[in-house]
């Protein structure tokens, strides 16, 4: 029996694109806030097990979310320039395959959750419900990016629950900061697809805000930094933490320069650079505890 290696290669490539394994930016934008929470909840000394569980869990749930999102948007994606080559839009992968893969990945992630405590396990069901409904939020919610902020940040309360067995004020403040962070970077992302989304009737913050989109992005960044500064004061973190925030703020200034003209390339470049914003905040957290 002859094995068709070309066919296997094409299938693997299609699955890789479906799960965005070729574009890790989304996973990183989920991972950084989760790691903020893991480090802060553990006082700067997280266990290897906690880092591994939340790291792998983030990758699994991000991939599951991508499969579900492409299933929900398969008809829209074919009409949008940036997404028309996604494997469900082109027919390379059947809708049922994408759903089955999303379920498999979510179930695998839940297997990791079983290693955590009861509170974290209970929160995981809320996280799953939010992740499963987000792809449909843009049909009904004028600012779906706020919903995304909760979906992308739910690793924060889960990390606190797993490590501290409780959800203290700094946990909720961190989640709020991530909501503003996600609103900013996903609005930049939505600015890339503004014209296509207007044609097909998708709701996004870029369309809802109109000419106020750039101002809203910068205001969201400012609120994110203000909340994170408050978290640092509440937890009595050392100066490297604020140095990390300052570095993140400097990056945000460059984002303004990229998005003020509202070009597709500039907005997409700004979106991608948010990985480094999250990394700067994380580096500040790690350094602050290292100097204690």
C-alpha atoms as a PDB file:
ATOM      1  CA  UNK A   1       0.000   0.000   0.000  1.00  0.00           C
ATOM      2  CA  UNK A   2       1.521   3.289  -1.153  1.00  0.00           C
ATOM      3  CA  UNK A   3       1.451   6.178   1.316  1.00  0.00           C
ATOM      4  CA  UNK A   4       0.624   9.509  -0.304  1.00  0.00           C
ATOM      5  CA  UNK A   5       3.099  11.771   1.468  1.00  0.00           C
ATOM      6  CA  UNK A   6       1.978  14.804  -0.517  1.00  0.00           C
ATOM      7  CA  UNK A   7      -1.604  14.356   0.696  1.00  0.00           C
ATOM      8  CA  UNK A   8      -0.457  13.931   4.308  1.00  0.00           C
ATOM      9  CA  UNK A   9       1.700  17.030   4.005  1.00  0.00           C
ATOM     10  CA  UNK A  10      -1.197  19.092   2.655  1.00  0.00           C
ATOM     11  CA  UNK A  11      -3.485  17.912   5.460  1.00  0.00           C
ATOM     12  CA  UNK A  12      -0.933  18.698   8.140  1.00  0.00           C
ATOM     13  CA  UNK A  13      -0.394  22.129   6.628  1.00  0.00           C
ATOM     14  CA  UNK A  14      -4.153  22.773   6.636  1.00  0.00           C
ATOM     15  CA  UNK A  15      -4.479  21.733  10.281  1.00  0.00           C
ATOM     16  CA  UNK A  16      -1.478  23.875  11.197  1.00  0.00           C
ATOM     17  CA  UNK A  17      -3.152  26.906   9.635  1.00  0.00           C
ATOM     18  CA  UNK A  18      -6.512  26.094  11.204  1.00  0.00           C
ATOM     19  CA  UNK A  19      -4.947  26.011  14.681  1.00  0.00           C
ATOM     20  CA  UNK A  20      -2.721  29.042  13.894  1.00  0.00           C
ATOM     21  CA  UNK A  21       0.385  27.087  14.845  1.00  0.00           C
ATOM     22  CA  UNK A  22       2.085  29.006  12.042  1.00  0.00           C
ATOM     23  CA  UNK A  23       1.039  32.313  13.676  1.00  0.00           C
ATOM     24  CA  UNK A  24       1.863  32.153  17.397  1.00  0.00           C
ATOM     25  CA  UNK A  25       1.002  35.812  18.097  1.00  0.00           C
ATOM     26  CA  UNK A  26      -2.489  34.903  19.363  1.00  0.00           C
ATOM     27  CA  UNK A  27      -1.126  32.289  21.751  1.00  0.00           C
ATOM     28  CA  UNK A  28       1.433  34.757  23.088  1.00  0.00           C
ATOM     29  CA  UNK A  29      -1.212  37.423  23.676  1.00  0.00           C
ATOM     30  CA  UNK A  30      -3.067  34.851  25.770  1.00  0.00           C
ATOM     31  CA  UNK A  31       0.050  33.562  27.474  1.00  0.00           C
ATOM     32  CA  UNK A  32       1.595  36.791  28.787  1.00  0.00           C
ATOM     33  CA  UNK A  33      -1.357  37.886  30.977  1.00  0.00           C
ATOM     34  CA  UNK A  34      -1.695  34.324  32.252  1.00  0.00           C
ATOM     35  CA  UNK A  35       1.972  34.322  33.231  1.00  0.00           C
ATOM     36  CA  UNK A  36       1.528  37.729  34.896  1.00  0.00           C
ATOM     37  CA  UNK A  37      -1.086  36.106  37.099  1.00  0.00           C
ATOM     38  CA  UNK A  38       0.942  32.939  37.763  1.00  0.00           C
ATOM     39  CA  UNK A  39       3.921  35.014  38.964  1.00  0.00           C
ATOM     40  CA  UNK A  40       1.916  37.542  40.971  1.00  0.00           C
ATOM     41  CA  UNK A  41      -0.330  34.927  42.600  1.00  0.00           C
ATOM     42  CA  UNK A  42       2.706  32.898  43.659  1.00  0.00           C
ATOM     43  CA  UNK A  43       4.685  35.869  44.946  1.00  0.00           C
ATOM     44  CA  UNK A  44       7.290  35.454  42.225  1.00  0.00           C
ATOM     45  CA  UNK A  45       7.982  31.783  42.943  1.00  0.00           C
ATOM     46  CA  UNK A  46       5.635  29.680  40.823  1.00  0.00           C
ATOM     47  CA  UNK A  47       6.022  25.926  40.687  1.00  0.00           C
ATOM     48  CA  UNK A  48       7.222  24.309  37.486  1.00  0.00           C
ATOM     49  CA  UNK A  49       3.949  22.366  37.412  1.00  0.00           C
ATOM     50  CA  UNK A  50       1.852  25.558  37.473  1.00  0.00           C
ATOM     51  CA  UNK A  51       3.881  27.169  34.684  1.00  0.00           C
ATOM     52  CA  UNK A  52       3.649  24.010  32.567  1.00  0.00           C
ATOM     53  CA  UNK A  53      -0.084  23.484  33.130  1.00  0.00           C
ATOM     54  CA  UNK A  54      -1.020  27.059  32.296  1.00  0.00           C
ATOM     55  CA  UNK A  55       1.474  27.282  29.434  1.00  0.00           C
ATOM     56  CA  UNK A  56       0.288  24.115  27.694  1.00  0.00           C
ATOM     57  CA  UNK A  57      -3.340  24.848  28.582  1.00  0.00           C
ATOM     58  CA  UNK A  58      -3.084  28.257  26.941  1.00  0.00           C
ATOM     59  CA  UNK A  59      -1.768  26.725  23.719  1.00  0.00           C
ATOM     60  CA  UNK A  60      -4.486  24.072  23.666  1.00  0.00           C
ATOM     61  CA  UNK A  61      -7.349  26.481  24.332  1.00  0.00           C
ATOM     62  CA  UNK A  62      -6.044  29.031  21.847  1.00  0.00           C
ATOM     63  CA  UNK A  63      -5.942  26.344  19.163  1.00  0.00           C
ATOM     64  CA  UNK A  64      -9.393  25.078  20.107  1.00  0.00           C
ATOM     65  CA  UNK A  65     -10.711  28.630  19.971  1.00  0.00           C
ATOM     66  CA  UNK A  66      -9.246  29.161  16.502  1.00  0.00           C
ATOM     67  CA  UNK A  67     -10.923  26.004  15.189  1.00  0.00           C
ATOM     68  CA  UNK A  68     -14.256  27.078  16.670  1.00  0.00           C
ATOM     69  CA  UNK A  69     -13.855  30.639  15.432  1.00  0.00           C
ATOM     70  CA  UNK A  70     -13.157  29.473  11.882  1.00  0.00           C
ATOM     71  CA  UNK A  71     -16.174  27.171  12.050  1.00  0.00           C
ATOM     72  CA  UNK A  72     -18.387  30.087  13.077  1.00  0.00           C
ATOM     73  CA  UNK A  73     -16.882  32.476  10.507  1.00  0.00           C
ATOM     74  CA  UNK A  74     -16.372  30.062   7.610  1.00  0.00           C
ATOM     75  CA  UNK A  75     -18.843  31.907   5.351  1.00  0.00           C
ATOM     76  CA  UNK A  76     -17.601  35.351   6.331  1.00  0.00           C
ATOM     77  CA  UNK A  77     -13.910  34.457   5.994  1.00  0.00           C
ATOM     78  CA  UNK A  78     -14.278  33.657   2.317  1.00  0.00           C
ATOM     79  CA  UNK A  79     -15.344  37.291   1.737  1.00  0.00           C
ATOM     80  CA  UNK A  80     -12.546  38.974   3.697  1.00  0.00           C
ATOM     81  CA  UNK A  81      -9.178  39.645   2.052  1.00  0.00           C
ATOM     82  CA  UNK A  82      -7.073  38.668   5.082  1.00  0.00           C
ATOM     83  CA  UNK A  83      -8.974  35.424   5.839  1.00  0.00           C
ATOM     84  CA  UNK A  84     -10.119  34.089   2.488  1.00  0.00           C
ATOM     85  CA  UNK A  85      -7.329  31.480   2.439  1.00  0.00           C
ATOM     86  CA  UNK A  86      -8.216  29.901   5.789  1.00  0.00           C
ATOM     87  CA  UNK A  87      -8.735  26.148   5.382  1.00  0.00           C
ATOM     88  CA  UNK A  88     -12.464  26.137   6.201  1.00  0.00           C
ATOM     89  CA  UNK A  89     -13.111  29.044   3.853  1.00  0.00           C
ATOM     90  CA  UNK A  90     -11.328  27.219   1.016  1.00  0.00           C
ATOM     91  CA  UNK A  91     -12.878  23.821   1.789  1.00  0.00           C
ATOM     92  CA  UNK A  92      -9.585  22.141   2.674  1.00  0.00           C
ATOM     93  CA  UNK A  93     -11.067  21.117   6.027  1.00  0.00           C
ATOM     94  CA  UNK A  94     -14.694  20.173   6.598  1.00  0.00           C
ATOM     95  CA  UNK A  95     -16.699  22.026   9.291  1.00  0.00           C
ATOM     96  CA  UNK A  96     -17.277  18.774  11.197  1.00  0.00           C
ATOM     97  CA  UNK A  97     -13.510  18.159  11.310  1.00  0.00           C
ATOM     98  CA  UNK A  98     -12.899  21.592  12.818  1.00  0.00           C
ATOM     99  CA  UNK A  99     -15.569  21.038  15.467  1.00  0.00           C
ATOM    100  CA  UNK A 100     -14.201  17.618  16.345  1.00  0.00           C
ATOM    101  CA  UNK A 101     -10.697  19.015  16.662  1.00  0.00           C
ATOM    102  CA  UNK A 102     -11.914  21.881  18.878  1.00  0.00           C
ATOM    103  CA  UNK A 103     -13.645  19.393  21.189  1.00  0.00           C
ATOM    104  CA  UNK A 104     -10.558  17.164  21.329  1.00  0.00           C
ATOM    105  CA  UNK A 105      -8.266  20.068  22.218  1.00  0.00           C
ATOM    106  CA  UNK A 106     -10.661  21.445  24.842  1.00  0.00           C
ATOM    107  CA  UNK A 107     -10.995  17.992  26.392  1.00  0.00           C
ATOM    108  CA  UNK A 108      -7.208  17.673  26.534  1.00  0.00           C
ATOM    109  CA  UNK A 109      -6.987  21.070  28.224  1.00  0.00           C
ATOM    110  CA  UNK A 110      -9.612  19.958  30.748  1.00  0.00           C
ATOM    111  CA  UNK A 111      -7.396  16.975  31.519  1.00  0.00           C
ATOM    112  CA  UNK A 112      -4.802  19.495  32.714  1.00  0.00           C
ATOM    113  CA  UNK A 113      -7.426  21.336  34.763  1.00  0.00           C
ATOM    114  CA  UNK A 114      -8.136  18.089  36.632  1.00  0.00           C
ATOM    115  CA  UNK A 115      -4.666  18.470  38.135  1.00  0.00           C
ATOM    116  CA  UNK A 116      -5.753  21.751  39.786  1.00  0.00           C
ATOM    117  CA  UNK A 117      -8.104  22.413  42.709  1.00  0.00           C
ATOM    118  CA  UNK A 118     -11.894  22.534  42.736  1.00  0.00           C
ATOM    119  CA  UNK A 119     -12.194  26.326  42.418  1.00  0.00           C
ATOM    120  CA  UNK A 120      -9.992  26.350  39.329  1.00  0.00           C
ATOM    121  CA  UNK A 121     -11.993  23.468  37.896  1.00  0.00           C
ATOM    122  CA  UNK A 122     -15.271  25.334  38.435  1.00  0.00           C
ATOM    123  CA  UNK A 123     -13.874  28.440  36.762  1.00  0.00           C
ATOM    124  CA  UNK A 124     -12.782  26.349  33.773  1.00  0.00           C
ATOM    125  CA  UNK A 125     -16.433  25.758  32.825  1.00  0.00           C
ATOM    126  CA  UNK A 126     -17.041  29.511  32.783  1.00  0.00           C
ATOM    127  CA  UNK A 127     -13.892  29.971  30.699  1.00  0.00           C
ATOM    128  CA  UNK A 128     -15.099  27.347  28.220  1.00  0.00           C
ATOM    129  CA  UNK A 129     -18.524  28.975  27.910  1.00  0.00           C
ATOM    130  CA  UNK A 130     -16.964  32.379  27.224  1.00  0.00           C
ATOM    131  CA  UNK A 131     -14.507  30.958  24.684  1.00  0.00           C
ATOM    132  CA  UNK A 132     -17.260  29.018  22.893  1.00  0.00           C
ATOM    133  CA  UNK A 133     -19.601  32.014  22.619  1.00  0.00           C
ATOM    134  CA  UNK A 134     -17.059  34.675  21.667  1.00  0.00           C
ATOM    135  CA  UNK A 135     -17.030  33.797  17.924  1.00  0.00           C
ATOM    136  CA  UNK A 136     -20.722  34.721  17.797  1.00  0.00           C
ATOM    137  CA  UNK A 137     -20.424  37.903  19.885  1.00  0.00           C
ATOM    138  CA  UNK A 138     -19.493  40.026  16.874  1.00  0.00           C
ATOM    139  CA  UNK A 139     -22.962  39.369  15.434  1.00  0.00           C
ATOM    140  CA  UNK A 140     -24.712  41.048  18.362  1.00  0.00           C
ATOM    141  CA  UNK A 141     -22.297  43.152  20.441  1.00  0.00           C
ATOM    142  CA  UNK A 142     -21.155  46.563  19.217  1.00  0.00           C
ATOM    143  CA  UNK A 143     -17.787  46.228  20.976  1.00  0.00           C
ATOM    144  CA  UNK A 144     -16.968  42.498  20.866  1.00  0.00           C
ATOM    145  CA  UNK A 145     -13.342  43.303  21.691  1.00  0.00           C
ATOM    146  CA  UNK A 146     -14.404  43.802  25.324  1.00  0.00           C
ATOM    147  CA  UNK A 147     -15.795  40.271  25.327  1.00  0.00           C
ATOM    148  CA  UNK A 148     -12.521  39.060  23.845  1.00  0.00           C
ATOM    149  CA  UNK A 149     -10.655  40.703  26.712  1.00  0.00           C
ATOM    150  CA  UNK A 150     -12.531  38.566  29.202  1.00  0.00           C
ATOM    151  CA  UNK A 151     -12.085  35.431  27.084  1.00  0.00           C
ATOM    152  CA  UNK A 152      -8.350  36.042  26.620  1.00  0.00           C
ATOM    153  CA  UNK A 153      -7.893  36.944  30.271  1.00  0.00           C
ATOM    154  CA  UNK A 154      -9.742  34.150  32.022  1.00  0.00           C
ATOM    155  CA  UNK A 155      -6.481  32.365  32.676  1.00  0.00           C
ATOM    156  CA  UNK A 156      -5.908  35.103  35.268  1.00  0.00           C
ATOM    157  CA  UNK A 157      -8.636  34.116  37.760  1.00  0.00           C
ATOM    158  CA  UNK A 158      -7.909  30.458  37.078  1.00  0.00           C
ATOM    159  CA  UNK A 159      -4.244  30.986  37.980  1.00  0.00           C
ATOM    160  CA  UNK A 160      -5.145  32.771  41.215  1.00  0.00           C
ATOM    161  CA  UNK A 161      -7.684  30.081  42.060  1.00  0.00           C
ATOM    162  CA  UNK A 162      -5.151  27.308  41.430  1.00  0.00           C
ATOM    163  CA  UNK A 163      -2.365  28.951  43.428  1.00  0.00           C
ATOM    164  CA  UNK A 164      -4.133  30.896  46.205  1.00  0.00           C
ATOM    165  CA  UNK A 165      -7.489  29.091  46.367  1.00  0.00           C
ATOM    166  CA  UNK A 166      -9.156  32.518  46.221  1.00  0.00           C
ATOM    167  CA  UNK A 167      -9.767  35.505  43.938  1.00  0.00           C
ATOM    168  CA  UNK A 168      -8.272  38.580  45.663  1.00  0.00           C
ATOM    169  CA  UNK A 169      -8.652  42.214  44.500  1.00  0.00           C
ATOM    170  CA  UNK A 170      -5.401  42.157  42.519  1.00  0.00           C
ATOM    171  CA  UNK A 171      -6.774  39.224  40.506  1.00  0.00           C
ATOM    172  CA  UNK A 172      -9.779  41.237  39.315  1.00  0.00           C
ATOM    173  CA  UNK A 173      -7.651  44.335  38.714  1.00  0.00           C
ATOM    174  CA  UNK A 174      -5.309  42.269  36.558  1.00  0.00           C
ATOM    175  CA  UNK A 175      -8.266  40.922  34.590  1.00  0.00           C
ATOM    176  CA  UNK A 176      -9.567  44.466  34.075  1.00  0.00           C
ATOM    177  CA  UNK A 177      -6.132  45.564  32.830  1.00  0.00           C
ATOM    178  CA  UNK A 178      -6.156  42.698  30.344  1.00  0.00           C
ATOM    179  CA  UNK A 179      -9.626  43.668  29.098  1.00  0.00           C
ATOM    180  CA  UNK A 180      -8.273  47.118  28.191  1.00  0.00           C
ATOM    181  CA  UNK A 181      -5.129  45.555  26.719  1.00  0.00           C
ATOM    182  CA  UNK A 182      -7.157  43.200  24.529  1.00  0.00           C
ATOM    183  CA  UNK A 183      -9.552  45.975  23.527  1.00  0.00           C
ATOM    184  CA  UNK A 184      -6.598  48.059  22.342  1.00  0.00           C
ATOM    185  CA  UNK A 185      -4.793  45.396  20.336  1.00  0.00           C
ATOM    186  CA  UNK A 186      -7.910  43.800  18.882  1.00  0.00           C
ATOM    187  CA  UNK A 187      -9.238  47.182  17.811  1.00  0.00           C
ATOM    188  CA  UNK A 188      -5.956  47.645  15.944  1.00  0.00           C
ATOM    189  CA  UNK A 189      -6.616  44.224  14.409  1.00  0.00           C
ATOM    190  CA  UNK A 190     -10.182  45.210  13.511  1.00  0.00           C
ATOM    191  CA  UNK A 191      -8.920  48.370  11.817  1.00  0.00           C
ATOM    192  CA  UNK A 192      -7.178  46.099   9.291  1.00  0.00           C
ATOM    193  CA  UNK A 193     -10.501  44.538   8.235  1.00  0.00           C
ATOM    194  CA  UNK A 194     -12.686  47.647   8.568  1.00  0.00           C
ATOM    195  CA  UNK A 195     -13.811  47.813   4.934  1.00  0.00           C
ATOM    196  CA  UNK A 196     -14.484  44.073   4.591  1.00  0.00           C
ATOM    197  CA  UNK A 197     -16.330  43.885   7.927  1.00  0.00           C
ATOM    198  CA  UNK A 198     -18.560  46.809   6.929  1.00  0.00           C
ATOM    199  CA  UNK A 199     -19.541  45.012   3.725  1.00  0.00           C
ATOM    200  CA  UNK A 200     -20.481  41.721   5.394  1.00  0.00           C
ATOM    201  CA  UNK A 201     -22.191  43.211   8.444  1.00  0.00           C
ATOM    202  CA  UNK A 202     -19.775  42.136  11.195  1.00  0.00           C
ATOM    203  CA  UNK A 203     -19.681  44.345  14.277  1.00  0.00           C
ATOM    204  CA  UNK A 204     -16.303  45.512  15.550  1.00  0.00           C
ATOM    205  CA  UNK A 205     -14.973  48.294  17.726  1.00  0.00           C
ATOM    206  CA  UNK A 206     -13.245  49.835  14.689  1.00  0.00           C
ATOM    207  CA  UNK A 207     -16.613  50.274  12.970  1.00  0.00           C
ATOM    208  CA  UNK A 208     -18.545  51.284  16.084  1.00  0.00           C
ATOM    209  CA  UNK A 209     -16.007  53.916  17.138  1.00  0.00           C
ATOM    210  CA  UNK A 210     -15.503  55.341  13.666  1.00  0.00           C
ATOM    211  CA  UNK A 211     -13.073  58.271  13.663  1.00  0.00           C
ATOM    212  CA  UNK A 212     -12.583  57.871  17.429  1.00  0.00           C
ATOM    213  CA  UNK A 213     -10.901  54.470  17.020  1.00  0.00           C
ATOM    214  CA  UNK A 214      -7.309  55.699  17.440  1.00  0.00           C
ATOM    215  CA  UNK A 215      -8.194  57.741  20.515  1.00  0.00           C
ATOM    216  CA  UNK A 216      -9.998  54.740  22.024  1.00  0.00           C
ATOM    217  CA  UNK A 217      -6.981  52.492  21.465  1.00  0.00           C
ATOM    218  CA  UNK A 218      -4.646  54.932  23.201  1.00  0.00           C
ATOM    219  CA  UNK A 219      -7.126  55.515  26.046  1.00  0.00           C
ATOM    220  CA  UNK A 220      -7.387  51.753  26.556  1.00  0.00           C
ATOM    221  CA  UNK A 221      -3.617  51.448  26.730  1.00  0.00           C
ATOM    222  CA  UNK A 222      -3.521  54.274  29.297  1.00  0.00           C
ATOM    223  CA  UNK A 223      -6.162  52.574  31.452  1.00  0.00           C
ATOM    224  CA  UNK A 224      -4.295  49.287  31.236  1.00  0.00           C
ATOM    225  CA  UNK A 225      -1.093  50.920  32.467  1.00  0.00           C
ATOM    226  CA  UNK A 226      -2.892  52.840  35.228  1.00  0.00           C
ATOM    227  CA  UNK A 227      -4.485  49.650  36.567  1.00  0.00           C
ATOM    228  CA  UNK A 228      -1.220  47.729  36.385  1.00  0.00           C
ATOM    229  CA  UNK A 229       0.525  50.547  38.246  1.00  0.00           C
ATOM    230  CA  UNK A 230      -2.171  50.264  40.909  1.00  0.00           C
ATOM    231  CA  UNK A 231      -1.598  46.518  41.149  1.00  0.00           C
ATOM    232  CA  UNK A 232       2.109  47.156  41.636  1.00  0.00           C
ATOM    233  CA  UNK A 233       1.421  49.615  44.465  1.00  0.00           C
ATOM    234  CA  UNK A 234      -1.074  47.237  46.088  1.00  0.00           C
ATOM    235  CA  UNK A 235       1.459  44.390  46.048  1.00  0.00           C
ATOM    236  CA  UNK A 236       4.429  46.634  46.958  1.00  0.00           C
ATOM    237  CA  UNK A 237       6.432  45.610  43.891  1.00  0.00           C
ATOM    238  CA  UNK A 238       9.944  46.960  43.365  1.00  0.00           C
ATOM    239  CA  UNK A 239      11.036  49.506  40.744  1.00  0.00           C
ATOM    240  CA  UNK A 240      11.778  47.005  37.912  1.00  0.00           C
ATOM    241  CA  UNK A 241       8.048  46.391  37.658  1.00  0.00           C
ATOM    242  CA  UNK A 242       7.464  50.060  36.839  1.00  0.00           C
ATOM    243  CA  UNK A 243      10.408  49.998  34.450  1.00  0.00           C
ATOM    244  CA  UNK A 244       8.579  47.228  32.589  1.00  0.00           C
ATOM    245  CA  UNK A 245       5.444  49.378  32.456  1.00  0.00           C
ATOM    246  CA  UNK A 246       7.483  52.312  31.182  1.00  0.00           C
ATOM    247  CA  UNK A 247       8.952  50.152  28.415  1.00  0.00           C
ATOM    248  CA  UNK A 248       5.452  48.981  27.491  1.00  0.00           C
ATOM    249  CA  UNK A 249       4.283  52.616  27.404  1.00  0.00           C
ATOM    250  CA  UNK A 250       7.119  53.525  25.035  1.00  0.00           C
ATOM    251  CA  UNK A 251       6.000  50.752  22.697  1.00  0.00           C
ATOM    252  CA  UNK A 252       2.435  52.068  22.821  1.00  0.00           C
ATOM    253  CA  UNK A 253       3.663  55.451  21.611  1.00  0.00           C
ATOM    254  CA  UNK A 254       5.082  53.750  18.519  1.00  0.00           C
ATOM    255  CA  UNK A 255       1.698  52.099  18.018  1.00  0.00           C
ATOM    256  CA  UNK A 256       0.089  55.523  17.801  1.00  0.00           C
ATOM    257  CA  UNK A 257       2.452  56.437  15.028  1.00  0.00           C
ATOM    258  CA  UNK A 258       1.572  53.224  13.196  1.00  0.00           C
ATOM    259  CA  UNK A 259      -2.214  53.425  13.499  1.00  0.00           C
ATOM    260  CA  UNK A 260      -2.937  57.153  13.199  1.00  0.00           C
ATOM    261  CA  UNK A 261      -2.955  56.874   9.395  1.00  0.00           C
ATOM    262  CA  UNK A 262      -5.254  53.813   9.614  1.00  0.00           C
ATOM    263  CA  UNK A 263      -3.359  51.938   6.908  1.00  0.00           C
ATOM    264  CA  UNK A 264      -3.798  48.144   6.828  1.00  0.00           C
ATOM    265  CA  UNK A 265      -0.064  47.507   7.106  1.00  0.00           C
ATOM    266  CA  UNK A 266       0.452  49.979   9.935  1.00  0.00           C
ATOM    267  CA  UNK A 267      -2.471  48.682  11.995  1.00  0.00           C
ATOM    268  CA  UNK A 268      -1.452  45.059  11.510  1.00  0.00           C
ATOM    269  CA  UNK A 269       2.146  45.834  12.451  1.00  0.00           C
ATOM    270  CA  UNK A 270       0.954  47.578  15.628  1.00  0.00           C
ATOM    271  CA  UNK A 271      -1.227  44.594  16.496  1.00  0.00           C
ATOM    272  CA  UNK A 272       1.667  42.159  16.154  1.00  0.00           C
ATOM    273  CA  UNK A 273       3.941  44.281  18.331  1.00  0.00           C
ATOM    274  CA  UNK A 274       1.607  43.838  21.302  1.00  0.00           C
ATOM    275  CA  UNK A 275       3.423  40.593  21.981  1.00  0.00           C
ATOM    276  CA  UNK A 276       6.349  42.725  23.160  1.00  0.00           C
ATOM    277  CA  UNK A 277       4.074  44.877  25.321  1.00  0.00           C
ATOM    278  CA  UNK A 278       2.946  41.780  27.206  1.00  0.00           C
ATOM    279  CA  UNK A 279       6.521  40.524  27.411  1.00  0.00           C
ATOM    280  CA  UNK A 280       7.758  43.843  28.849  1.00  0.00           C
ATOM    281  CA  UNK A 281       5.174  43.724  31.639  1.00  0.00           C
ATOM    282  CA  UNK A 282       6.092  40.119  32.398  1.00  0.00           C
ATOM    283  CA  UNK A 283       9.816  40.915  32.465  1.00  0.00           C
ATOM    284  CA  UNK A 284       9.125  43.712  34.931  1.00  0.00           C
ATOM    285  CA  UNK A 285       7.208  41.345  37.204  1.00  0.00           C
ATOM    286  CA  UNK A 286       9.945  38.717  37.167  1.00  0.00           C
ATOM    287  CA  UNK A 287      12.688  41.309  37.767  1.00  0.00           C
ATOM    288  CA  UNK A 288      10.756  42.959  40.611  1.00  0.00           C
ATOM    289  CA  UNK A 289      10.532  39.694  42.529  1.00  0.00           C
ATOM    290  CA  UNK A 290      14.119  38.769  41.701  1.00  0.00           C
ATOM    291  CA  UNK A 291      15.331  41.913  43.496  1.00  0.00           C
ATOM    292  CA  UNK A 292      13.309  41.288  46.657  1.00  0.00           C
END
